[in-house]
Amino acid sequence: MSNLIYISPLDIKGINAVQELGNEQSFLNYLDYVDFHFVFFSALYQSGINSFETELKFLPQELINNPFWRERFHQINDKVYSESLAKSSTILRGNFDIEKDKKFNAPQLEYILNHFSSLFYSFESKIPFVCTQFVQAKDFNFLETRLSNELYSSIINLYSLISSTDVQTIVPQYSVLKKDVKRFEDIATSSAFRQYSESLELLPIEGYSKSLNNDIKNRALRIYNKHTSSLDMKSMTFSFIKSNKKILDLFTNKITSVIGDFVIESFEKVISENRMVHFYDFKEAFILRLFAERINELQKVGGKEAFEKVLNEMKKQPITKAKFHGR
């Protein structure tokens, strides 16, 4: 049984950017090299996700060829991805103030476009997706002035129907991920981990139940207690939209519905198949957060002087901003 998850091309490009920027020589003068791809996928793996659907051409070859990982990556459905991106673009066209967005230090157009694209991809493919930024309705609040009233209202309506549950999972400690790959693989291939992973695989199928949640927690604790020097316990938010007529009514009863036909079409298919749309809160993977953690690590080791020196080096690179936006 495979617990497959969709990771958008933009999210992979974000990891690539942090991998490149966070390991530039100006950082390595003070810090150890970090394989951010390994950090990202290992954290997901030990949270119960053992297969990844993404754009393979953006992954480093050494990762794809690694004996442990190579069978776990799958190419995205290009047709579904293109259609999902087109739907997202249509939704935002005329409903997102691009000019106003450009005035902010961290423009959000690409990120919100990516989020809706991932949502529609999940609708169509039946695969949950990694959500790195917009997990709850309140996560859209800072964008309210950039969104049309209709789109903002539609988003709030949609997110009001999301149910979330916190599941206790295990994650490898950062220090282990940086230096002890063998330790990670030993834990990940153990029988105890296999039992824990099998319990997590039921979550997308059955949804939340107290007994399943307790089973996951107990199995996670069993592994954690055996490897306390290598693992941490983490609460991962698992969110799902249970499809029913109430959802459709939120949109069809409105004179103007921005998300409109796309949501109705997608949910009608989901309802007919009696399934849920779900995603994992993995904000730790958001590109700006990852890079902020690398900066914090730099300041702890080298102090203000190191931070200012690295910052000055980065300012000399005109392509830095483009890297952060996956270009």
C-alpha atoms as a PDB file:
ATOM      1  CA  MET A   1       0.000   0.000   0.000  1.00  0.00           C
ATOM      2  CA  SER A   2       1.391   3.407  -0.952  1.00  0.00           C
ATOM      3  CA  ASN A   3       0.775   6.766   0.729  1.00  0.00           C
ATOM      4  CA  LEU A   4       1.255   9.030  -2.284  1.00  0.00           C
ATOM      5  CA  ILE A   5       1.308  12.820  -2.159  1.00  0.00           C
ATOM      6  CA  TYR A   6       1.470  15.564  -4.779  1.00  0.00           C
ATOM      7  CA  ILE A   7       4.188  18.197  -4.528  1.00  0.00           C
ATOM      8  CA  SER A   8       3.866  21.089  -6.956  1.00  0.00           C
ATOM      9  CA  PRO A   9       6.692  22.049  -9.333  1.00  0.00           C
ATOM     10  CA  LEU A  10       6.881  25.466  -7.631  1.00  0.00           C
ATOM     11  CA  ASP A  11       7.446  23.859  -4.236  1.00  0.00           C
ATOM     12  CA  ILE A  12      10.267  21.755  -5.691  1.00  0.00           C
ATOM     13  CA  LYS A  13      11.789  24.838  -7.317  1.00  0.00           C
ATOM     14  CA  GLY A  14      11.626  26.513  -3.922  1.00  0.00           C
ATOM     15  CA  ILE A  15      13.629  23.694  -2.331  1.00  0.00           C
ATOM     16  CA  ASN A  16      16.101  23.970  -5.202  1.00  0.00           C
ATOM     17  CA  ALA A  17      16.513  27.698  -4.534  1.00  0.00           C
ATOM     18  CA  VAL A  18      17.167  27.176  -0.825  1.00  0.00           C
ATOM     19  CA  GLN A  19      19.574  24.343  -1.667  1.00  0.00           C
ATOM     20  CA  GLU A  20      21.579  26.665  -3.898  1.00  0.00           C
ATOM     21  CA  LEU A  21      21.429  29.848  -1.827  1.00  0.00           C
ATOM     22  CA  GLY A  22      21.803  28.174   1.568  1.00  0.00           C
ATOM     23  CA  ASN A  23      24.942  26.353   0.467  1.00  0.00           C
ATOM     24  CA  GLU A  24      26.768  29.203  -1.213  1.00  0.00           C
ATOM     25  CA  GLN A  25      30.341  29.692  -0.089  1.00  0.00           C
ATOM     26  CA  SER A  26      29.423  32.718   2.022  1.00  0.00           C
ATOM     27  CA  PHE A  27      27.298  30.366   4.191  1.00  0.00           C
ATOM     28  CA  LEU A  28      29.761  27.486   4.105  1.00  0.00           C
ATOM     29  CA  ASN A  29      32.424  29.733   5.609  1.00  0.00           C
ATOM     30  CA  TYR A  30      30.443  29.400   8.862  1.00  0.00           C
ATOM     31  CA  LEU A  31      28.059  26.445   8.482  1.00  0.00           C
ATOM     32  CA  ASP A  32      28.077  22.819   7.334  1.00  0.00           C
ATOM     33  CA  TYR A  33      26.650  21.910   3.957  1.00  0.00           C
ATOM     34  CA  VAL A  34      22.985  20.832   4.178  1.00  0.00           C
ATOM     35  CA  ASP A  35      21.115  18.698   1.648  1.00  0.00           C
ATOM     36  CA  PHE A  36      17.740  20.463   1.813  1.00  0.00           C
ATOM     37  CA  HIS A  37      16.127  17.967  -0.557  1.00  0.00           C
ATOM     38  CA  PHE A  38      16.977  15.168   1.849  1.00  0.00           C
ATOM     39  CA  VAL A  39      15.725  17.229   4.806  1.00  0.00           C
ATOM     40  CA  PHE A  40      12.427  17.906   3.030  1.00  0.00           C
ATOM     41  CA  PHE A  41      11.662  14.410   1.740  1.00  0.00           C
ATOM     42  CA  SER A  42      12.902  12.653   4.890  1.00  0.00           C
ATOM     43  CA  ALA A  43      10.639  14.757   7.099  1.00  0.00           C
ATOM     44  CA  LEU A  44       7.686  13.935   4.845  1.00  0.00           C
ATOM     45  CA  TYR A  45       8.646  10.258   4.730  1.00  0.00           C
ATOM     46  CA  GLN A  46       8.801   9.859   8.483  1.00  0.00           C
ATOM     47  CA  SER A  47       5.454  11.630   8.727  1.00  0.00           C
ATOM     48  CA  GLY A  48       4.024   8.651   6.853  1.00  0.00           C
ATOM     49  CA  ILE A  49       4.304   9.691   3.197  1.00  0.00           C
ATOM     50  CA  ASN A  50       6.299   7.197   1.181  1.00  0.00           C
ATOM     51  CA  SER A  51       5.680   8.189  -2.462  1.00  0.00           C
ATOM     52  CA  PHE A  52       5.849  11.545  -4.202  1.00  0.00           C
ATOM     53  CA  GLU A  53       4.228  12.743  -7.414  1.00  0.00           C
ATOM     54  CA  THR A  54       6.002  15.781  -8.805  1.00  0.00           C
ATOM     55  CA  GLU A  55       7.892  17.195 -11.794  1.00  0.00           C
ATOM     56  CA  LEU A  56      10.888  14.873 -11.964  1.00  0.00           C
ATOM     57  CA  LYS A  57      13.008  17.115 -14.189  1.00  0.00           C
ATOM     58  CA  PHE A  58      13.340  19.593 -11.306  1.00  0.00           C
ATOM     59  CA  LEU A  59      14.769  17.007  -8.900  1.00  0.00           C
ATOM     60  CA  PRO A  60      18.542  16.525  -8.628  1.00  0.00           C
ATOM     61  CA  GLN A  61      19.740  13.379 -10.376  1.00  0.00           C
ATOM     62  CA  GLU A  62      21.606  12.143  -7.321  1.00  0.00           C
ATOM     63  CA  LEU A  63      18.308  12.041  -5.431  1.00  0.00           C
ATOM     64  CA  ILE A  64      16.411  10.267  -8.225  1.00  0.00           C
ATOM     65  CA  ASN A  65      19.233   7.729  -8.565  1.00  0.00           C
ATOM     66  CA  ASN A  66      19.576   7.102  -4.830  1.00  0.00           C
ATOM     67  CA  PRO A  67      18.675   3.434  -4.088  1.00  0.00           C
ATOM     68  CA  PHE A  68      16.454   4.397  -1.151  1.00  0.00           C
ATOM     69  CA  TRP A  69      14.501   7.114  -2.985  1.00  0.00           C
ATOM     70  CA  ARG A  70      14.441   6.295  -6.683  1.00  0.00           C
ATOM     71  CA  GLU A  71      11.306   4.093  -6.627  1.00  0.00           C
ATOM     72  CA  ARG A  72       9.393   6.656  -4.592  1.00  0.00           C
ATOM     73  CA  PHE A  73       9.192   9.433  -7.186  1.00  0.00           C
ATOM     74  CA  HIS A  74       6.530   9.562  -9.874  1.00  0.00           C
ATOM     75  CA  GLN A  75       6.040  11.993 -12.735  1.00  0.00           C
ATOM     76  CA  ILE A  76       3.045  14.312 -12.470  1.00  0.00           C
ATOM     77  CA  ASN A  77       0.188  14.000 -14.918  1.00  0.00           C
ATOM     78  CA  ASP A  78       1.126  16.812 -17.297  1.00  0.00           C
ATOM     79  CA  LYS A  79      -2.396  17.131 -18.720  1.00  0.00           C
ATOM     80  CA  VAL A  80      -4.032  17.416 -15.290  1.00  0.00           C
ATOM     81  CA  TYR A  81      -1.346  19.854 -14.145  1.00  0.00           C
ATOM     82  CA  SER A  82      -1.801  22.107 -17.192  1.00  0.00           C
ATOM     83  CA  GLU A  83      -5.577  22.100 -16.771  1.00  0.00           C
ATOM     84  CA  SER A  84      -5.282  22.852 -13.044  1.00  0.00           C
ATOM     85  CA  LEU A  85      -2.942  25.754 -13.722  1.00  0.00           C
ATOM     86  CA  ALA A  86      -5.302  27.121 -16.394  1.00  0.00           C
ATOM     87  CA  LYS A  87      -8.265  26.973 -13.995  1.00  0.00           C
ATOM     88  CA  SER A  88      -6.266  28.786 -11.320  1.00  0.00           C
ATOM     89  CA  SER A  89      -5.235  31.506 -13.772  1.00  0.00           C
ATOM     90  CA  THR A  90      -8.865  32.008 -14.808  1.00  0.00           C
ATOM     91  CA  ILE A  91      -9.961  32.376 -11.196  1.00  0.00           C
ATOM     92  CA  LEU A  92      -7.326  35.010 -10.430  1.00  0.00           C
ATOM     93  CA  ARG A  93      -7.697  36.943 -13.676  1.00  0.00           C
ATOM     94  CA  GLY A  94      -9.388  40.220 -12.759  1.00  0.00           C
ATOM     95  CA  ASN A  95      -9.745  39.131  -9.141  1.00  0.00           C
ATOM     96  CA  PHE A  96      -6.182  39.595  -7.952  1.00  0.00           C
ATOM     97  CA  ASP A  97      -4.506  43.005  -8.032  1.00  0.00           C
ATOM     98  CA  ILE A  98      -1.199  42.172  -9.668  1.00  0.00           C
ATOM     99  CA  GLU A  99       0.096  45.756  -9.673  1.00  0.00           C
ATOM    100  CA  LYS A 100      -0.549  46.146  -5.955  1.00  0.00           C
ATOM    101  CA  ASP A 101       1.045  42.756  -5.320  1.00  0.00           C
ATOM    102  CA  LYS A 102       4.254  43.853  -7.062  1.00  0.00           C
ATOM    103  CA  LYS A 103       4.704  46.654  -4.514  1.00  0.00           C
ATOM    104  CA  PHE A 104       5.241  44.197  -1.652  1.00  0.00           C
ATOM    105  CA  ASN A 105       8.647  42.773  -0.745  1.00  0.00           C
ATOM    106  CA  ALA A 106       7.283  39.249  -1.128  1.00  0.00           C
ATOM    107  CA  PRO A 107       4.759  39.190  -4.015  1.00  0.00           C
ATOM    108  CA  GLN A 108       2.231  36.396  -3.618  1.00  0.00           C
ATOM    109  CA  LEU A 109       0.766  35.881  -7.090  1.00  0.00           C
ATOM    110  CA  GLU A 110       2.827  32.777  -7.843  1.00  0.00           C
ATOM    111  CA  TYR A 111       2.098  31.245  -4.451  1.00  0.00           C
ATOM    112  CA  ILE A 112      -1.683  31.659  -4.534  1.00  0.00           C
ATOM    113  CA  LEU A 113      -1.748  30.511  -8.156  1.00  0.00           C
ATOM    114  CA  ASN A 114       0.236  27.472  -7.096  1.00  0.00           C
ATOM    115  CA  HIS A 115      -2.111  26.771  -4.181  1.00  0.00           C
ATOM    116  CA  PHE A 116      -5.267  26.724  -6.286  1.00  0.00           C
ATOM    117  CA  SER A 117      -3.498  24.674  -8.929  1.00  0.00           C
ATOM    118  CA  SER A 118      -2.566  22.084  -6.288  1.00  0.00           C
ATOM    119  CA  LEU A 119      -6.145  22.042  -5.014  1.00  0.00           C
ATOM    120  CA  PHE A 120      -7.555  21.386  -8.482  1.00  0.00           C
ATOM    121  CA  TYR A 121      -4.850  18.793  -9.160  1.00  0.00           C
ATOM    122  CA  SER A 122      -5.940  16.983  -6.008  1.00  0.00           C
ATOM    123  CA  PHE A 123      -9.598  17.180  -7.054  1.00  0.00           C
ATOM    124  CA  GLU A 124      -8.827  15.496 -10.341  1.00  0.00           C
ATOM    125  CA  SER A 125      -6.081  13.029  -9.386  1.00  0.00           C
ATOM    126  CA  LYS A 126      -7.486  11.960  -5.985  1.00  0.00           C
ATOM    127  CA  ILE A 127      -4.018  12.532  -4.515  1.00  0.00           C
ATOM    128  CA  PRO A 128      -3.517  14.674  -1.374  1.00  0.00           C
ATOM    129  CA  PHE A 129      -1.097  17.553  -1.694  1.00  0.00           C
ATOM    130  CA  VAL A 130       1.554  19.288   0.380  1.00  0.00           C
ATOM    131  CA  CYS A 131       0.265  22.657   1.558  1.00  0.00           C
ATOM    132  CA  THR A 132       3.128  24.968   2.461  1.00  0.00           C
ATOM    133  CA  GLN A 133       1.315  28.250   3.041  1.00  0.00           C
ATOM    134  CA  PHE A 134      -2.504  28.515   2.817  1.00  0.00           C
ATOM    135  CA  VAL A 135      -3.715  25.949   5.338  1.00  0.00           C
ATOM    136  CA  GLN A 136      -6.568  27.839   7.010  1.00  0.00           C
ATOM    137  CA  ALA A 137      -8.930  30.640   5.998  1.00  0.00           C
ATOM    138  CA  LYS A 138      -6.979  33.093   8.177  1.00  0.00           C
ATOM    139  CA  ASP A 139      -3.860  32.449   6.079  1.00  0.00           C
ATOM    140  CA  PHE A 140      -5.527  34.474   3.301  1.00  0.00           C
ATOM    141  CA  ASN A 141      -6.232  37.506   5.512  1.00  0.00           C
ATOM    142  CA  PHE A 142      -3.063  39.366   4.539  1.00  0.00           C
ATOM    143  CA  LEU A 143      -4.132  39.090   0.896  1.00  0.00           C
ATOM    144  CA  GLU A 144      -7.600  40.553   1.371  1.00  0.00           C
ATOM    145  CA  THR A 145      -6.689  43.955  -0.111  1.00  0.00           C
ATOM    146  CA  ARG A 146      -5.210  42.224  -3.165  1.00  0.00           C
ATOM    147  CA  LEU A 147      -8.245  39.992  -3.797  1.00  0.00           C
ATOM    148  CA  SER A 148     -11.649  40.977  -5.165  1.00  0.00           C
ATOM    149  CA  ASN A 149     -14.450  40.846  -2.592  1.00  0.00           C
ATOM    150  CA  GLU A 150     -16.074  37.978  -4.496  1.00  0.00           C
ATOM    151  CA  LEU A 151     -12.962  35.822  -4.576  1.00  0.00           C
ATOM    152  CA  TYR A 152     -12.112  36.504  -0.948  1.00  0.00           C
ATOM    153  CA  SER A 153     -15.680  35.585   0.070  1.00  0.00           C
ATOM    154  CA  SER A 154     -15.541  32.384  -2.007  1.00  0.00           C
ATOM    155  CA  ILE A 155     -12.259  31.365  -0.370  1.00  0.00           C
ATOM    156  CA  ILE A 156     -13.660  31.934   3.122  1.00  0.00           C
ATOM    157  CA  ASN A 157     -16.748  29.878   2.204  1.00  0.00           C
ATOM    158  CA  LEU A 158     -14.646  27.020   0.886  1.00  0.00           C
ATOM    159  CA  TYR A 159     -12.305  26.980   3.868  1.00  0.00           C
ATOM    160  CA  SER A 160     -15.197  27.087   6.336  1.00  0.00           C
ATOM    161  CA  LEU A 161     -15.905  23.498   5.266  1.00  0.00           C
ATOM    162  CA  ILE A 162     -12.409  22.185   5.918  1.00  0.00           C
ATOM    163  CA  SER A 163     -12.041  19.823   8.858  1.00  0.00           C
ATOM    164  CA  SER A 164      -8.612  19.474  10.412  1.00  0.00           C
ATOM    165  CA  THR A 165      -7.091  17.100  12.890  1.00  0.00           C
ATOM    166  CA  ASP A 166      -3.654  17.099  14.474  1.00  0.00           C
ATOM    167  CA  VAL A 167      -1.840  13.792  14.241  1.00  0.00           C
ATOM    168  CA  GLN A 168       1.242  12.988  16.297  1.00  0.00           C
ATOM    169  CA  THR A 169       4.014  11.949  13.943  1.00  0.00           C
ATOM    170  CA  ILE A 170       7.754  11.449  14.178  1.00  0.00           C
ATOM    171  CA  VAL A 171      10.319  13.528  12.315  1.00  0.00           C
ATOM    172  CA  PRO A 172      14.093  13.077  12.138  1.00  0.00           C
ATOM    173  CA  GLN A 173      16.102  15.621  14.064  1.00  0.00           C
ATOM    174  CA  TYR A 174      17.782  18.261  11.950  1.00  0.00           C
ATOM    175  CA  SER A 175      21.238  17.219  13.160  1.00  0.00           C
ATOM    176  CA  VAL A 176      20.591  13.618  12.073  1.00  0.00           C
ATOM    177  CA  LEU A 177      19.364  14.696   8.659  1.00  0.00           C
ATOM    178  CA  LYS A 178      22.492  16.748   8.116  1.00  0.00           C
ATOM    179  CA  LYS A 179      24.998  14.058   8.985  1.00  0.00           C
ATOM    180  CA  ASP A 180      23.571  10.577   9.586  1.00  0.00           C
ATOM    181  CA  VAL A 181      21.732   9.330   6.508  1.00  0.00           C
ATOM    182  CA  LYS A 182      22.288   5.687   7.528  1.00  0.00           C
ATOM    183  CA  ARG A 183      20.492   6.263  10.837  1.00  0.00           C
ATOM    184  CA  PHE A 184      17.454   7.624   8.990  1.00  0.00           C
ATOM    185  CA  GLU A 185      17.376   4.644   6.616  1.00  0.00           C
ATOM    186  CA  ASP A 186      17.695   2.133   9.478  1.00  0.00           C
ATOM    187  CA  ILE A 187      14.673   3.630  11.238  1.00  0.00           C
ATOM    188  CA  ALA A 188      12.660   3.968   8.017  1.00  0.00           C
ATOM    189  CA  THR A 189      13.126   0.308   7.070  1.00  0.00           C
ATOM    190  CA  SER A 190      12.315  -1.153  10.513  1.00  0.00           C
ATOM    191  CA  SER A 191       9.193  -3.265  11.152  1.00  0.00           C
ATOM    192  CA  ALA A 192       7.987  -0.794  13.797  1.00  0.00           C
ATOM    193  CA  PHE A 193       8.138   2.031  11.272  1.00  0.00           C
ATOM    194  CA  ARG A 194       6.274  -0.072   8.710  1.00  0.00           C
ATOM    195  CA  GLN A 195       3.405  -0.609  11.186  1.00  0.00           C
ATOM    196  CA  TYR A 196       3.322   3.102  12.000  1.00  0.00           C
ATOM    197  CA  SER A 197       3.289   3.973   8.293  1.00  0.00           C
ATOM    198  CA  GLU A 198       0.436   1.532   7.622  1.00  0.00           C
ATOM    199  CA  SER A 199      -1.698   3.303  10.232  1.00  0.00           C
ATOM    200  CA  LEU A 200      -0.987   6.678   8.647  1.00  0.00           C
ATOM    201  CA  GLU A 201      -1.974   5.317   5.242  1.00  0.00           C
ATOM    202  CA  LEU A 202      -5.521   4.774   6.542  1.00  0.00           C
ATOM    203  CA  LEU A 203      -5.971   8.452   7.383  1.00  0.00           C
ATOM    204  CA  PRO A 204      -6.619   9.722   3.825  1.00  0.00           C
ATOM    205  CA  ILE A 205      -9.024   6.822   3.263  1.00  0.00           C
ATOM    206  CA  GLU A 206     -11.018   6.797   6.497  1.00  0.00           C
ATOM    207  CA  GLY A 207     -10.616  10.376   7.682  1.00  0.00           C
ATOM    208  CA  TYR A 208     -10.309  11.248  11.371  1.00  0.00           C
ATOM    209  CA  SER A 209     -11.343   8.844  14.101  1.00  0.00           C
ATOM    210  CA  LYS A 210     -10.245   8.819  17.723  1.00  0.00           C
ATOM    211  CA  SER A 211      -9.199   5.167  17.596  1.00  0.00           C
ATOM    212  CA  LEU A 212      -7.083   5.640  14.450  1.00  0.00           C
ATOM    213  CA  ASN A 213      -5.503   8.803  15.856  1.00  0.00           C
ATOM    214  CA  ASN A 214      -4.590   6.962  19.083  1.00  0.00           C
ATOM    215  CA  ASP A 215      -3.179   4.054  17.089  1.00  0.00           C
ATOM    216  CA  ILE A 216      -0.940   6.405  15.065  1.00  0.00           C
ATOM    217  CA  LYS A 217       0.202   8.211  18.217  1.00  0.00           C
ATOM    218  CA  ASN A 218       1.012   4.970  20.088  1.00  0.00           C
ATOM    219  CA  ARG A 219       2.994   3.552  17.183  1.00  0.00           C
ATOM    220  CA  ALA A 220       4.854   6.848  16.738  1.00  0.00           C
ATOM    221  CA  LEU A 221       5.722   6.906  20.456  1.00  0.00           C
ATOM    222  CA  ARG A 222       7.007   3.341  20.259  1.00  0.00           C
ATOM    223  CA  ILE A 223       9.536   4.361  17.605  1.00  0.00           C
ATOM    224  CA  TYR A 224      10.354   7.677  19.278  1.00  0.00           C
ATOM    225  CA  ASN A 225      11.105   6.031  22.651  1.00  0.00           C
ATOM    226  CA  LYS A 226      13.555   3.705  20.933  1.00  0.00           C
ATOM    227  CA  HIS A 227      15.326   6.499  19.010  1.00  0.00           C
ATOM    228  CA  THR A 228      15.040   9.603  21.194  1.00  0.00           C
ATOM    229  CA  SER A 229      18.484  10.800  20.145  1.00  0.00           C
ATOM    230  CA  SER A 230      17.495  10.802  16.476  1.00  0.00           C
ATOM    231  CA  LEU A 231      13.795  11.712  16.382  1.00  0.00           C
ATOM    232  CA  ASP A 232      11.368  14.381  17.511  1.00  0.00           C
ATOM    233  CA  MET A 233       7.610  14.176  17.917  1.00  0.00           C
ATOM    234  CA  LYS A 234       5.671  16.579  15.703  1.00  0.00           C
ATOM    235  CA  SER A 235       2.006  17.437  15.409  1.00  0.00           C
ATOM    236  CA  MET A 236       1.070  17.407  11.718  1.00  0.00           C
ATOM    237  CA  THR A 237      -2.235  18.926  10.636  1.00  0.00           C
ATOM    238  CA  PHE A 238      -4.229  16.734   8.276  1.00  0.00           C
ATOM    239  CA  SER A 239      -7.084  18.632   6.599  1.00  0.00           C
ATOM    240  CA  PHE A 240      -9.894  17.394   4.407  1.00  0.00           C
ATOM    241  CA  ILE A 241     -12.978  18.714   2.662  1.00  0.00           C
ATOM    242  CA  LYS A 242     -15.852  16.288   2.983  1.00  0.00           C
ATOM    243  CA  SER A 243     -17.845  16.582  -0.218  1.00  0.00           C
ATOM    244  CA  ASN A 244     -21.597  17.039   0.097  1.00  0.00           C
ATOM    245  CA  LYS A 245     -24.462  19.126  -1.277  1.00  0.00           C
ATOM    246  CA  LYS A 246     -23.844  21.846   1.330  1.00  0.00           C
ATOM    247  CA  ILE A 247     -20.574  22.685  -0.397  1.00  0.00           C
ATOM    248  CA  LEU A 248     -22.211  23.121  -3.781  1.00  0.00           C
ATOM    249  CA  ASP A 249     -24.960  25.282  -2.273  1.00  0.00           C
ATOM    250  CA  LEU A 250     -22.368  27.764  -1.009  1.00  0.00           C
ATOM    251  CA  PHE A 251     -21.466  28.544  -4.609  1.00  0.00           C
ATOM    252  CA  THR A 252     -24.572  27.842  -6.688  1.00  0.00           C
ATOM    253  CA  ASN A 253     -26.750  29.997  -4.441  1.00  0.00           C
ATOM    254  CA  LYS A 254     -24.640  33.056  -5.160  1.00  0.00           C
ATOM    255  CA  ILE A 255     -25.379  35.373  -8.073  1.00  0.00           C
ATOM    256  CA  THR A 256     -21.662  35.850  -8.634  1.00  0.00           C
ATOM    257  CA  SER A 257     -19.333  32.976  -7.948  1.00  0.00           C
ATOM    258  CA  VAL A 258     -15.694  33.503  -8.792  1.00  0.00           C
ATOM    259  CA  ILE A 259     -14.513  29.968  -8.132  1.00  0.00           C
ATOM    260  CA  GLY A 260     -17.905  28.944  -9.480  1.00  0.00           C
ATOM    261  CA  ASP A 261     -18.056  26.372 -12.243  1.00  0.00           C
ATOM    262  CA  PHE A 262     -14.622  24.926 -11.511  1.00  0.00           C
ATOM    263  CA  VAL A 263     -15.507  24.122  -7.897  1.00  0.00           C
ATOM    264  CA  ILE A 264     -18.934  22.792  -8.815  1.00  0.00           C
ATOM    265  CA  GLU A 265     -17.535  20.587 -11.571  1.00  0.00           C
ATOM    266  CA  SER A 266     -14.770  19.251  -9.322  1.00  0.00           C
ATOM    267  CA  PHE A 267     -16.999  18.632  -6.315  1.00  0.00           C
ATOM    268  CA  GLU A 268     -19.704  16.933  -8.340  1.00  0.00           C
ATOM    269  CA  LYS A 269     -17.075  14.404  -9.403  1.00  0.00           C
ATOM    270  CA  VAL A 270     -15.820  14.025  -5.834  1.00  0.00           C
ATOM    271  CA  ILE A 271     -19.358  13.587  -4.465  1.00  0.00           C
ATOM    272  CA  SER A 272     -20.239  10.983  -7.081  1.00  0.00           C
ATOM    273  CA  GLU A 273     -17.195   8.966  -5.990  1.00  0.00           C
ATOM    274  CA  ASN A 274     -17.931   9.484  -2.281  1.00  0.00           C
ATOM    275  CA  ARG A 275     -14.435  10.643  -1.408  1.00  0.00           C
ATOM    276  CA  MET A 276     -12.615  13.483   0.298  1.00  0.00           C
ATOM    277  CA  VAL A 277     -10.133  16.115  -0.855  1.00  0.00           C
ATOM    278  CA  HIS A 278      -7.300  16.362   1.625  1.00  0.00           C
ATOM    279  CA  PHE A 279      -3.931  17.981   2.197  1.00  0.00           C
ATOM    280  CA  TYR A 280      -1.064  18.067   4.668  1.00  0.00           C
ATOM    281  CA  ASP A 281       0.037  21.194   6.503  1.00  0.00           C
ATOM    282  CA  PHE A 282       3.759  21.325   5.825  1.00  0.00           C
ATOM    283  CA  LYS A 283       4.573  24.998   6.290  1.00  0.00           C
ATOM    284  CA  GLU A 284       8.109  24.028   7.257  1.00  0.00           C
ATOM    285  CA  ALA A 285       8.718  23.509   3.543  1.00  0.00           C
ATOM    286  CA  PHE A 286       7.717  27.036   2.528  1.00  0.00           C
ATOM    287  CA  ILE A 287      10.748  28.511   0.808  1.00  0.00           C
ATOM    288  CA  LEU A 288      10.967  31.758   2.771  1.00  0.00           C
ATOM    289  CA  ARG A 289      10.664  29.891   6.072  1.00  0.00           C
ATOM    290  CA  LEU A 290      13.387  27.423   5.121  1.00  0.00           C
ATOM    291  CA  PHE A 291      15.755  30.201   4.176  1.00  0.00           C
ATOM    292  CA  ALA A 292      14.906  32.164   7.339  1.00  0.00           C
ATOM    293  CA  GLU A 293      15.930  29.123   9.389  1.00  0.00           C
ATOM    294  CA  ARG A 294      19.246  28.972   7.526  1.00  0.00           C
ATOM    295  CA  ILE A 295      19.800  32.666   8.307  1.00  0.00           C
ATOM    296  CA  ASN A 296      18.969  32.082  11.984  1.00  0.00           C
ATOM    297  CA  GLU A 297      21.476  29.241  12.087  1.00  0.00           C
ATOM    298  CA  LEU A 298      24.078  31.553  10.580  1.00  0.00           C
ATOM    299  CA  GLN A 299      23.444  34.251  13.202  1.00  0.00           C
ATOM    300  CA  LYS A 300      23.735  31.760  16.056  1.00  0.00           C
ATOM    301  CA  VAL A 301      27.084  30.493  14.813  1.00  0.00           C
ATOM    302  CA  GLY A 302      28.702  33.606  13.378  1.00  0.00           C
ATOM    303  CA  GLY A 303      26.804  36.443  15.033  1.00  0.00           C
ATOM    304  CA  LYS A 304      25.842  39.794  13.520  1.00  0.00           C
ATOM    305  CA  GLU A 305      29.137  40.160  11.677  1.00  0.00           C
ATOM    306  CA  ALA A 306      28.639  36.900   9.759  1.00  0.00           C
ATOM    307  CA  PHE A 307      25.044  37.799   8.948  1.00  0.00           C
ATOM    308  CA  GLU A 308      25.980  41.206   7.533  1.00  0.00           C
ATOM    309  CA  LYS A 309      28.853  39.755   5.542  1.00  0.00           C
ATOM    310  CA  VAL A 310      26.651  37.089   3.928  1.00  0.00           C
ATOM    311  CA  LEU A 311      23.901  39.633   3.292  1.00  0.00           C
ATOM    312  CA  ASN A 312      26.330  41.906   1.467  1.00  0.00           C
ATOM    313  CA  GLU A 313      27.505  38.992  -0.660  1.00  0.00           C
ATOM    314  CA  MET A 314      23.923  38.155  -1.573  1.00  0.00           C
ATOM    315  CA  LYS A 315      23.175  41.748  -2.562  1.00  0.00           C
ATOM    316  CA  LYS A 316      25.852  41.469  -5.228  1.00  0.00           C
ATOM    317  CA  GLN A 317      23.834  38.726  -6.955  1.00  0.00           C
ATOM    318  CA  PRO A 318      21.109  40.185  -9.196  1.00  0.00           C
ATOM    319  CA  ILE A 319      19.459  36.794  -9.689  1.00  0.00           C
ATOM    320  CA  THR A 320      18.751  36.135  -6.001  1.00  0.00           C
ATOM    321  CA  LYS A 321      15.146  37.354  -6.094  1.00  0.00           C
ATOM    322  CA  ALA A 322      14.411  35.352  -9.229  1.00  0.00           C
ATOM    323  CA  LYS A 323      15.736  32.190  -7.561  1.00  0.00           C
ATOM    324  CA  PHE A 324      13.247  32.627  -4.765  1.00  0.00           C
ATOM    325  CA  HIS A 325      10.406  32.711  -7.249  1.00  0.00           C
ATOM    326  CA  GLY A 326      11.460  29.524  -8.981  1.00  0.00           C
ATOM    327  CA  ARG A 327      12.927  31.082 -12.105  1.00  0.00           C
END
